[in-house]
Amino acid sequence: MGQLNLGTSGTITASTSLSLGVVPCFSARATNSGNGVWTTSHPTPIPFDAVDVNRGNCYSGSTHKFTCPLAGVYKMDVSLISGGTDHWFRGSMLFETAGGTQSIIHKSQSDYAGNSDLDFTHCGFSIIYPFAVGDKLWVTLDTASADTESVYCGESGVYSIFNGMFVSA
């Protein structure tokens, strides 16, 4: 009989049992405390403040940041709906090492092509990325286009979401 160690709370025993323990994962919605659209400049995190899942206590609904509790590869997904923009709509994933070095690791955008009659647009992206314990990740808006970008946070946050999960050690 062999055993695979999955951290402090999980093991797999080859012949009799399976115990995974807590696998870090989270899912949060942007509600902006019920205040509709939300606008700010980079690098302020988008307020994904309604946390539906938070295994391993890896996401903060008050700072709106993921903090890595277990080193490994994670999959992160973002889906944003614009709310009151008339240029391009661009979201970014901002990564910060445990040592404090920040970098943008992914961006996505939609372009109105000068037609503000489009009302709402979608911007979404997904990554698989290696994290060390203490690394942080959050989602921001790139407001270089005259600070006109905003995220729609209405209807209890069902339109704009951020989630992530541990995939592999």
N, C-alpha and C. Protein backbone atom coordinates (compact mmCIF):
# COMPACT_ATOMS: atom_id res chain seq x y z
N MET A 1 0.84 -1.17 0.00
CA MET A 1 0.00 0.00 0.00
C MET A 1 0.89 1.23 0.00
N GLY A 2 0.64 2.15 -0.97
CA GLY A 2 1.39 3.40 -1.06
C GLY A 2 0.53 4.57 -0.64
N GLN A 3 1.17 5.71 -0.42
CA GLN A 3 0.44 6.89 -0.01
C GLN A 3 1.05 8.11 -0.69
N LEU A 4 0.20 9.02 -1.21
CA LEU A 4 0.61 10.26 -1.82
C LEU A 4 0.20 11.39 -0.90
N ASN A 5 1.13 12.24 -0.51
CA ASN A 5 0.85 13.34 0.40
C ASN A 5 0.36 14.54 -0.41
N LEU A 6 -0.81 15.08 -0.05
CA LEU A 6 -1.38 16.24 -0.73
C LEU A 6 -1.41 17.46 0.19
N GLY A 7 -0.39 17.65 0.97
CA GLY A 7 -0.34 18.79 1.87
C GLY A 7 -0.74 18.40 3.28
N THR A 8 -1.07 19.40 4.09
CA THR A 8 -1.33 19.15 5.51
C THR A 8 -2.64 18.44 5.78
N SER A 9 -3.59 18.49 4.83
CA SER A 9 -4.88 17.89 5.16
C SER A 9 -5.35 16.83 4.17
N GLY A 10 -4.53 16.44 3.21
CA GLY A 10 -5.01 15.48 2.24
C GLY A 10 -4.02 14.38 1.93
N THR A 11 -4.54 13.17 1.75
CA THR A 11 -3.71 12.04 1.35
C THR A 11 -4.52 11.11 0.45
N ILE A 12 -3.84 10.37 -0.37
CA ILE A 12 -4.45 9.30 -1.13
C ILE A 12 -3.76 8.01 -0.72
N THR A 13 -4.53 7.05 -0.25
CA THR A 13 -4.01 5.74 0.10
C THR A 13 -4.42 4.78 -1.01
N ALA A 14 -3.45 4.09 -1.59
CA ALA A 14 -3.67 3.31 -2.80
C ALA A 14 -4.74 2.23 -2.67
N SER A 15 -4.88 1.59 -1.54
CA SER A 15 -5.78 0.45 -1.49
C SER A 15 -7.16 0.70 -0.89
N THR A 16 -7.31 1.78 -0.06
CA THR A 16 -8.58 1.86 0.66
C THR A 16 -9.31 3.19 0.61
N SER A 17 -8.63 4.31 0.49
CA SER A 17 -9.38 5.55 0.67
C SER A 17 -8.82 6.70 -0.17
N LEU A 18 -9.64 7.74 -0.27
CA LEU A 18 -9.27 8.97 -0.97
C LEU A 18 -9.68 10.13 -0.08
N SER A 19 -8.73 10.99 0.26
CA SER A 19 -9.00 12.18 1.06
C SER A 19 -8.21 13.33 0.46
N LEU A 20 -8.89 14.25 -0.20
CA LEU A 20 -8.20 15.35 -0.85
C LEU A 20 -7.96 16.54 0.05
N GLY A 21 -8.66 16.66 1.14
CA GLY A 21 -8.51 17.83 1.98
C GLY A 21 -9.11 19.03 1.27
N VAL A 22 -8.66 20.23 1.59
CA VAL A 22 -9.18 21.45 0.99
C VAL A 22 -8.32 21.83 -0.21
N VAL A 23 -8.94 21.85 -1.38
CA VAL A 23 -8.27 22.28 -2.60
C VAL A 23 -8.61 23.75 -2.79
N PRO A 24 -7.60 24.65 -2.81
CA PRO A 24 -7.88 26.08 -2.93
C PRO A 24 -8.65 26.40 -4.21
N CYS A 25 -9.78 27.11 -4.04
CA CYS A 25 -10.56 27.60 -5.17
C CYS A 25 -11.49 28.70 -4.67
N PHE A 26 -11.92 29.56 -5.58
CA PHE A 26 -12.83 30.65 -5.20
C PHE A 26 -13.68 31.06 -6.40
N SER A 27 -14.78 31.71 -6.11
CA SER A 27 -15.63 32.32 -7.11
C SER A 27 -16.28 33.54 -6.48
N ALA A 28 -16.16 34.69 -7.17
CA ALA A 28 -16.70 35.93 -6.63
C ALA A 28 -17.35 36.75 -7.75
N ARG A 29 -18.39 37.50 -7.35
CA ARG A 29 -19.14 38.35 -8.27
C ARG A 29 -18.92 39.81 -7.91
N ALA A 30 -18.92 40.69 -8.94
CA ALA A 30 -18.78 42.13 -8.71
C ALA A 30 -20.15 42.75 -8.49
N THR A 31 -20.45 43.12 -7.24
CA THR A 31 -21.72 43.78 -6.94
C THR A 31 -21.53 45.27 -6.63
N ASN A 32 -20.31 45.66 -6.28
CA ASN A 32 -20.04 47.04 -5.86
C ASN A 32 -21.05 47.46 -4.79
N SER A 33 -21.35 46.55 -3.88
CA SER A 33 -22.29 46.77 -2.79
C SER A 33 -23.64 47.28 -3.29
N GLY A 34 -24.05 46.82 -4.48
CA GLY A 34 -25.34 47.19 -5.04
C GLY A 34 -25.39 48.55 -5.70
N ASN A 35 -24.23 49.13 -5.98
CA ASN A 35 -24.17 50.49 -6.52
C ASN A 35 -24.03 50.55 -8.04
N GLY A 36 -24.47 49.53 -8.76
CA GLY A 36 -24.45 49.58 -10.23
C GLY A 36 -23.06 49.57 -10.82
N VAL A 37 -22.78 50.49 -11.74
CA VAL A 37 -21.47 50.50 -12.41
C VAL A 37 -20.37 50.92 -11.46
N TRP A 38 -19.16 50.50 -11.79
CA TRP A 38 -17.97 50.81 -10.98
C TRP A 38 -16.86 51.25 -11.92
N THR A 39 -16.23 52.37 -11.60
CA THR A 39 -15.14 52.90 -12.42
C THR A 39 -13.99 53.31 -11.52
N THR A 40 -12.79 52.96 -11.93
CA THR A 40 -11.58 53.44 -11.26
C THR A 40 -10.42 53.23 -12.20
N SER A 41 -9.24 53.57 -11.75
CA SER A 41 -8.07 53.43 -12.60
C SER A 41 -7.19 52.28 -12.14
N HIS A 42 -6.37 51.80 -13.04
CA HIS A 42 -5.38 50.76 -12.79
C HIS A 42 -4.46 51.27 -11.69
N PRO A 43 -4.03 50.56 -10.68
CA PRO A 43 -4.15 49.14 -10.44
C PRO A 43 -5.19 48.77 -9.38
N THR A 44 -6.20 49.62 -9.14
CA THR A 44 -7.22 49.32 -8.14
C THR A 44 -8.02 48.08 -8.55
N PRO A 45 -8.17 47.10 -7.66
CA PRO A 45 -8.92 45.89 -8.01
C PRO A 45 -10.41 46.16 -8.27
N ILE A 46 -10.97 45.49 -9.27
CA ILE A 46 -12.41 45.52 -9.49
C ILE A 46 -13.06 44.86 -8.27
N PRO A 47 -14.16 45.42 -7.76
CA PRO A 47 -14.75 44.92 -6.52
C PRO A 47 -15.58 43.64 -6.68
N PHE A 48 -14.90 42.52 -6.83
CA PHE A 48 -15.57 41.23 -6.78
C PHE A 48 -15.81 40.94 -5.30
N ASP A 49 -16.91 41.46 -4.79
CA ASP A 49 -17.12 41.48 -3.34
C ASP A 49 -18.12 40.46 -2.82
N ALA A 50 -18.88 39.80 -3.70
CA ALA A 50 -19.81 38.76 -3.27
C ALA A 50 -19.14 37.41 -3.50
N VAL A 51 -18.60 36.83 -2.46
CA VAL A 51 -17.81 35.60 -2.56
C VAL A 51 -18.72 34.40 -2.34
N ASP A 52 -18.86 33.58 -3.39
CA ASP A 52 -19.73 32.41 -3.32
C ASP A 52 -18.99 31.16 -2.88
N VAL A 53 -17.72 31.02 -3.26
CA VAL A 53 -16.88 29.88 -2.89
C VAL A 53 -15.53 30.44 -2.47
N ASN A 54 -14.97 29.91 -1.39
CA ASN A 54 -13.66 30.37 -0.94
C ASN A 54 -12.97 29.26 -0.15
N ARG A 55 -12.63 28.18 -0.81
CA ARG A 55 -11.95 27.05 -0.17
C ARG A 55 -10.49 27.40 0.05
N GLY A 56 -10.02 27.15 1.22
CA GLY A 56 -8.63 27.46 1.56
C GLY A 56 -8.42 28.93 1.88
N ASN A 57 -9.52 29.70 2.01
CA ASN A 57 -9.44 31.12 2.36
C ASN A 57 -8.44 31.86 1.48
N CYS A 58 -8.52 31.63 0.17
CA CYS A 58 -7.53 32.19 -0.75
C CYS A 58 -7.97 33.50 -1.40
N TYR A 59 -9.22 33.91 -1.21
CA TYR A 59 -9.71 35.14 -1.83
C TYR A 59 -10.29 36.06 -0.77
N SER A 60 -9.99 37.35 -0.89
CA SER A 60 -10.52 38.33 0.06
C SER A 60 -11.60 39.17 -0.62
N GLY A 61 -12.81 39.12 -0.08
CA GLY A 61 -13.91 39.92 -0.60
C GLY A 61 -13.78 41.39 -0.23
N SER A 62 -12.83 41.74 0.64
CA SER A 62 -12.64 43.15 1.00
C SER A 62 -11.48 43.79 0.21
N THR A 63 -10.39 43.05 -0.01
CA THR A 63 -9.29 43.60 -0.84
C THR A 63 -9.48 43.25 -2.30
N HIS A 64 -10.34 42.25 -2.59
CA HIS A 64 -10.66 41.78 -3.95
C HIS A 64 -9.46 41.14 -4.63
N LYS A 65 -8.63 40.46 -3.82
CA LYS A 65 -7.42 39.82 -4.34
C LYS A 65 -7.36 38.35 -3.95
N PHE A 66 -6.83 37.54 -4.87
CA PHE A 66 -6.48 36.15 -4.59
C PHE A 66 -5.08 36.15 -4.01
N THR A 67 -4.86 35.41 -2.92
CA THR A 67 -3.53 35.21 -2.34
C THR A 67 -3.27 33.72 -2.30
N CYS A 68 -2.20 33.28 -2.92
CA CYS A 68 -1.91 31.86 -3.07
C CYS A 68 -1.56 31.21 -1.72
N PRO A 69 -2.35 30.20 -1.29
CA PRO A 69 -2.06 29.51 -0.04
C PRO A 69 -1.25 28.22 -0.23
N LEU A 70 -1.18 27.71 -1.48
CA LEU A 70 -0.53 26.44 -1.78
C LEU A 70 0.16 26.58 -3.13
N ALA A 71 1.49 26.43 -3.16
CA ALA A 71 2.24 26.59 -4.40
C ALA A 71 1.78 25.59 -5.45
N GLY A 72 1.68 26.05 -6.68
CA GLY A 72 1.29 25.18 -7.78
C GLY A 72 0.73 25.95 -8.95
N VAL A 73 0.09 25.24 -9.84
CA VAL A 73 -0.49 25.83 -11.03
C VAL A 73 -1.98 26.06 -10.78
N TYR A 74 -2.46 27.24 -11.11
CA TYR A 74 -3.86 27.62 -10.93
C TYR A 74 -4.47 28.03 -12.26
N LYS A 75 -5.78 27.81 -12.39
CA LYS A 75 -6.54 28.29 -13.53
C LYS A 75 -7.42 29.41 -13.04
N MET A 76 -7.35 30.56 -13.70
CA MET A 76 -8.13 31.73 -13.33
C MET A 76 -9.00 32.15 -14.51
N ASP A 77 -10.24 32.54 -14.22
CA ASP A 77 -11.18 32.98 -15.24
C ASP A 77 -11.80 34.31 -14.83
N VAL A 78 -12.01 35.18 -15.83
CA VAL A 78 -12.65 36.47 -15.61
C VAL A 78 -13.67 36.70 -16.72
N SER A 79 -14.83 37.19 -16.33
CA SER A 79 -15.85 37.60 -17.29
C SER A 79 -16.37 38.96 -16.83
N LEU A 80 -16.22 39.98 -17.68
CA LEU A 80 -16.62 41.34 -17.34
C LEU A 80 -17.63 41.86 -18.35
N ILE A 81 -18.62 42.58 -17.87
CA ILE A 81 -19.56 43.30 -18.72
C ILE A 81 -19.34 44.79 -18.46
N SER A 82 -19.22 45.55 -19.54
CA SER A 82 -19.01 46.99 -19.39
C SER A 82 -20.26 47.66 -18.87
N GLY A 83 -20.06 48.84 -18.32
CA GLY A 83 -21.20 49.61 -17.84
C GLY A 83 -20.92 51.09 -17.98
N GLY A 84 -21.20 51.65 -19.12
CA GLY A 84 -21.02 53.10 -19.30
C GLY A 84 -19.70 53.47 -19.92
N THR A 85 -19.30 52.78 -20.97
CA THR A 85 -18.07 53.12 -21.68
C THR A 85 -18.40 53.33 -23.14
N ASP A 86 -17.61 54.14 -23.83
CA ASP A 86 -17.90 54.35 -25.24
C ASP A 86 -16.64 54.30 -26.11
N HIS A 87 -15.58 53.75 -25.59
CA HIS A 87 -14.36 53.58 -26.38
C HIS A 87 -14.04 52.10 -26.40
N TRP A 88 -12.87 51.69 -25.95
CA TRP A 88 -12.61 50.26 -25.77
C TRP A 88 -12.80 49.92 -24.31
N PHE A 89 -12.98 48.66 -24.07
CA PHE A 89 -13.22 48.14 -22.72
C PHE A 89 -12.16 47.09 -22.47
N ARG A 90 -11.24 47.36 -21.56
CA ARG A 90 -10.08 46.49 -21.36
C ARG A 90 -9.90 46.11 -19.90
N GLY A 91 -9.78 44.80 -19.65
CA GLY A 91 -9.50 44.30 -18.32
C GLY A 91 -8.11 43.68 -18.28
N SER A 92 -7.48 43.71 -17.12
CA SER A 92 -6.12 43.17 -16.94
C SER A 92 -6.05 42.33 -15.68
N MET A 93 -5.22 41.27 -15.72
CA MET A 93 -4.89 40.52 -14.51
C MET A 93 -3.54 41.03 -14.02
N LEU A 94 -3.54 41.54 -12.81
CA LEU A 94 -2.32 42.07 -12.22
C LEU A 94 -1.79 41.06 -11.20
N PHE A 95 -0.55 40.63 -11.40
CA PHE A 95 0.12 39.62 -10.57
C PHE A 95 1.16 40.31 -9.71
N GLU A 96 1.24 39.90 -8.44
CA GLU A 96 2.25 40.44 -7.53
C GLU A 96 2.93 39.28 -6.82
N THR A 97 4.25 39.19 -6.96
CA THR A 97 4.98 38.13 -6.27
C THR A 97 4.95 38.39 -4.77
N ALA A 98 5.24 37.35 -4.00
CA ALA A 98 5.29 37.50 -2.54
C ALA A 98 6.30 38.57 -2.14
N GLY A 99 7.27 38.84 -3.02
CA GLY A 99 8.27 39.87 -2.75
C GLY A 99 7.83 41.26 -3.13
N GLY A 100 6.65 41.42 -3.76
CA GLY A 100 6.11 42.74 -4.05
C GLY A 100 6.27 43.22 -5.48
N THR A 101 6.87 42.43 -6.38
CA THR A 101 7.02 42.84 -7.78
C THR A 101 5.71 42.63 -8.53
N GLN A 102 5.20 43.70 -9.17
CA GLN A 102 3.93 43.62 -9.88
C GLN A 102 4.15 43.58 -11.39
N SER A 103 3.27 42.83 -12.07
CA SER A 103 3.29 42.80 -13.53
C SER A 103 1.91 42.39 -14.04
N ILE A 104 1.56 42.88 -15.22
CA ILE A 104 0.32 42.46 -15.86
C ILE A 104 0.63 41.16 -16.59
N ILE A 105 -0.15 40.10 -16.30
CA ILE A 105 0.13 38.82 -16.94
C ILE A 105 -0.90 38.45 -18.00
N HIS A 106 -2.01 39.20 -18.07
CA HIS A 106 -2.98 38.92 -19.12
C HIS A 106 -3.91 40.11 -19.29
N LYS A 107 -4.33 40.35 -20.55
CA LYS A 107 -5.28 41.41 -20.86
C LYS A 107 -6.29 40.89 -21.86
N SER A 108 -7.44 41.53 -21.88
CA SER A 108 -8.43 41.28 -22.92
C SER A 108 -9.21 42.57 -23.12
N GLN A 109 -9.71 42.75 -24.34
CA GLN A 109 -10.48 43.97 -24.58
C GLN A 109 -11.54 43.77 -25.64
N SER A 110 -12.53 44.62 -25.58
CA SER A 110 -13.54 44.75 -26.63
C SER A 110 -13.49 46.19 -27.09
N ASP A 111 -13.82 46.43 -28.34
CA ASP A 111 -13.73 47.76 -28.91
C ASP A 111 -15.09 48.19 -29.43
N TYR A 112 -15.53 49.37 -29.02
CA TYR A 112 -16.79 49.92 -29.50
C TYR A 112 -16.68 50.50 -30.91
N ALA A 113 -15.47 50.70 -31.39
CA ALA A 113 -15.24 51.30 -32.71
C ALA A 113 -15.96 52.64 -32.83
N GLY A 114 -15.98 53.39 -31.74
CA GLY A 114 -16.60 54.71 -31.76
C GLY A 114 -18.11 54.71 -31.70
N ASN A 115 -18.74 53.56 -31.51
CA ASN A 115 -20.19 53.47 -31.48
C ASN A 115 -20.67 53.24 -30.06
N SER A 116 -21.01 54.31 -29.36
CA SER A 116 -21.44 54.17 -27.97
C SER A 116 -22.86 53.62 -27.86
N ASP A 117 -23.56 53.45 -28.99
CA ASP A 117 -24.91 52.89 -28.97
C ASP A 117 -24.91 51.39 -28.66
N LEU A 118 -23.76 50.76 -28.57
CA LEU A 118 -23.68 49.34 -28.29
C LEU A 118 -24.07 49.02 -26.85
N ASP A 119 -24.10 50.02 -25.98
CA ASP A 119 -24.56 49.91 -24.60
C ASP A 119 -23.63 49.05 -23.73
N PHE A 120 -23.70 47.69 -23.84
CA PHE A 120 -22.85 46.83 -23.03
C PHE A 120 -21.98 45.97 -23.94
N THR A 121 -20.81 45.58 -23.45
CA THR A 121 -19.95 44.67 -24.19
C THR A 121 -19.27 43.73 -23.21
N HIS A 122 -18.75 42.62 -23.70
CA HIS A 122 -18.12 41.60 -22.86
C HIS A 122 -16.62 41.58 -23.09
N CYS A 123 -15.89 41.34 -22.02
CA CYS A 123 -14.45 41.15 -22.06
C CYS A 123 -14.17 39.98 -21.13
N GLY A 124 -13.57 38.91 -21.65
CA GLY A 124 -13.31 37.75 -20.82
C GLY A 124 -11.96 37.15 -21.12
N PHE A 125 -11.38 36.50 -20.14
CA PHE A 125 -10.10 35.85 -20.34
C PHE A 125 -9.88 34.77 -19.30
N SER A 126 -8.94 33.90 -19.61
CA SER A 126 -8.65 32.73 -18.79
C SER A 126 -7.16 32.46 -18.86
N ILE A 127 -6.54 32.08 -17.75
CA ILE A 127 -5.13 31.72 -17.76
C ILE A 127 -4.90 30.47 -16.91
N ILE A 128 -3.81 29.80 -17.19
CA ILE A 128 -3.25 28.76 -16.32
C ILE A 128 -1.85 29.27 -16.01
N TYR A 129 -1.55 29.44 -14.71
CA TYR A 129 -0.34 30.17 -14.32
C TYR A 129 0.25 29.59 -13.04
N PRO A 130 1.59 29.55 -12.94
CA PRO A 130 2.23 29.04 -11.71
C PRO A 130 2.29 30.10 -10.60
N PHE A 131 1.96 29.69 -9.39
CA PHE A 131 1.97 30.59 -8.23
C PHE A 131 2.84 30.00 -7.13
N ALA A 132 3.49 30.87 -6.39
CA ALA A 132 4.20 30.51 -5.16
C ALA A 132 3.34 30.99 -3.99
N VAL A 133 3.54 30.41 -2.83
CA VAL A 133 2.79 30.83 -1.64
C VAL A 133 3.01 32.33 -1.41
N GLY A 134 1.91 33.05 -1.21
CA GLY A 134 1.96 34.49 -0.96
C GLY A 134 1.81 35.36 -2.20
N ASP A 135 1.93 34.77 -3.41
CA ASP A 135 1.69 35.54 -4.63
C ASP A 135 0.24 36.01 -4.64
N LYS A 136 0.00 37.17 -5.26
CA LYS A 136 -1.35 37.73 -5.32
C LYS A 136 -1.76 37.96 -6.78
N LEU A 137 -3.07 37.94 -7.01
CA LEU A 137 -3.62 38.22 -8.33
C LEU A 137 -4.94 38.94 -8.17
N TRP A 138 -5.16 39.98 -8.99
CA TRP A 138 -6.43 40.67 -8.99
C TRP A 138 -6.69 41.20 -10.39
N VAL A 139 -7.93 41.66 -10.61
CA VAL A 139 -8.36 42.13 -11.92
C VAL A 139 -8.58 43.63 -11.85
N THR A 140 -8.09 44.34 -12.87
CA THR A 140 -8.21 45.80 -12.92
C THR A 140 -8.79 46.22 -14.27
N LEU A 141 -9.15 47.49 -14.35
CA LEU A 141 -9.52 48.11 -15.62
C LEU A 141 -8.35 48.94 -16.11
N ASP A 142 -8.12 48.93 -17.41
CA ASP A 142 -7.14 49.83 -18.01
C ASP A 142 -7.92 51.04 -18.48
N THR A 143 -7.74 52.15 -17.81
CA THR A 143 -8.53 53.34 -18.10
C THR A 143 -7.72 54.41 -18.83
N ALA A 144 -6.80 54.00 -19.70
CA ALA A 144 -5.96 54.95 -20.44
C ALA A 144 -6.77 55.77 -21.44
N SER A 145 -7.98 55.33 -21.78
CA SER A 145 -8.82 56.04 -22.74
C SER A 145 -9.74 57.02 -22.02
N ALA A 146 -9.15 58.04 -21.44
CA ALA A 146 -9.88 59.13 -20.79
C ALA A 146 -10.74 58.67 -19.60
N ASP A 147 -10.33 57.59 -18.93
CA ASP A 147 -11.04 57.10 -17.74
C ASP A 147 -12.53 56.86 -17.98
N THR A 148 -12.89 56.31 -19.12
CA THR A 148 -14.30 56.10 -19.42
C THR A 148 -14.72 54.64 -19.22
N GLU A 149 -13.82 53.77 -18.86
CA GLU A 149 -14.17 52.36 -18.70
C GLU A 149 -14.79 52.10 -17.34
N SER A 150 -15.79 51.23 -17.33
CA SER A 150 -16.41 50.85 -16.07
C SER A 150 -16.98 49.44 -16.22
N VAL A 151 -17.20 48.80 -15.07
CA VAL A 151 -17.73 47.44 -15.02
C VAL A 151 -19.16 47.51 -14.50
N TYR A 152 -20.06 46.75 -15.15
CA TYR A 152 -21.44 46.67 -14.70
C TYR A 152 -21.52 45.72 -13.51
N CYS A 153 -22.01 46.22 -12.39
CA CYS A 153 -22.08 45.44 -11.15
C CYS A 153 -23.50 45.28 -10.66
N GLY A 154 -24.47 45.51 -11.51
CA GLY A 154 -25.86 45.43 -11.10
C GLY A 154 -26.37 44.00 -11.01
N GLU A 155 -27.64 43.88 -10.64
CA GLU A 155 -28.35 42.59 -10.56
C GLU A 155 -27.59 41.55 -9.75
N SER A 156 -27.13 41.93 -8.59
CA SER A 156 -26.43 41.04 -7.64
C SER A 156 -25.13 40.47 -8.18
N GLY A 157 -24.55 41.12 -9.17
CA GLY A 157 -23.24 40.70 -9.67
C GLY A 157 -23.25 39.51 -10.59
N VAL A 158 -24.38 39.22 -11.23
CA VAL A 158 -24.43 38.03 -12.09
C VAL A 158 -23.73 38.23 -13.42
N TYR A 159 -23.31 39.45 -13.74
CA TYR A 159 -22.67 39.70 -15.03
C TYR A 159 -21.15 39.70 -15.00
N SER A 160 -20.54 40.13 -13.94
CA SER A 160 -19.08 40.23 -13.87
C SER A 160 -18.56 39.32 -12.76
N ILE A 161 -17.72 38.34 -13.15
CA ILE A 161 -17.24 37.33 -12.19
C ILE A 161 -15.73 37.11 -12.31
N PHE A 162 -15.15 36.60 -11.23
CA PHE A 162 -13.73 36.25 -11.16
C PHE A 162 -13.66 34.96 -10.37
N ASN A 163 -13.01 33.94 -10.92
CA ASN A 163 -12.85 32.70 -10.17
C ASN A 163 -11.52 32.04 -10.48
N GLY A 164 -11.12 31.14 -9.60
CA GLY A 164 -9.85 30.44 -9.79
C GLY A 164 -9.82 29.15 -9.00
N MET A 165 -8.93 28.25 -9.43
CA MET A 165 -8.80 26.98 -8.72
C MET A 165 -7.41 26.39 -8.90
N PHE A 166 -7.00 25.69 -7.89
CA PHE A 166 -5.75 24.93 -7.92
C PHE A 166 -5.91 23.80 -8.92
N VAL A 167 -4.90 23.64 -9.80
CA VAL A 167 -4.96 22.60 -10.82
C VAL A 167 -3.93 21.50 -10.56
N SER A 168 -2.70 21.89 -10.22
CA SER A 168 -1.62 20.92 -10.10
C SER A 168 -0.48 21.46 -9.25
N ALA A 169 0.18 20.56 -8.55
CA ALA A 169 1.36 20.95 -7.75
C ALA A 169 2.55 21.17 -8.65
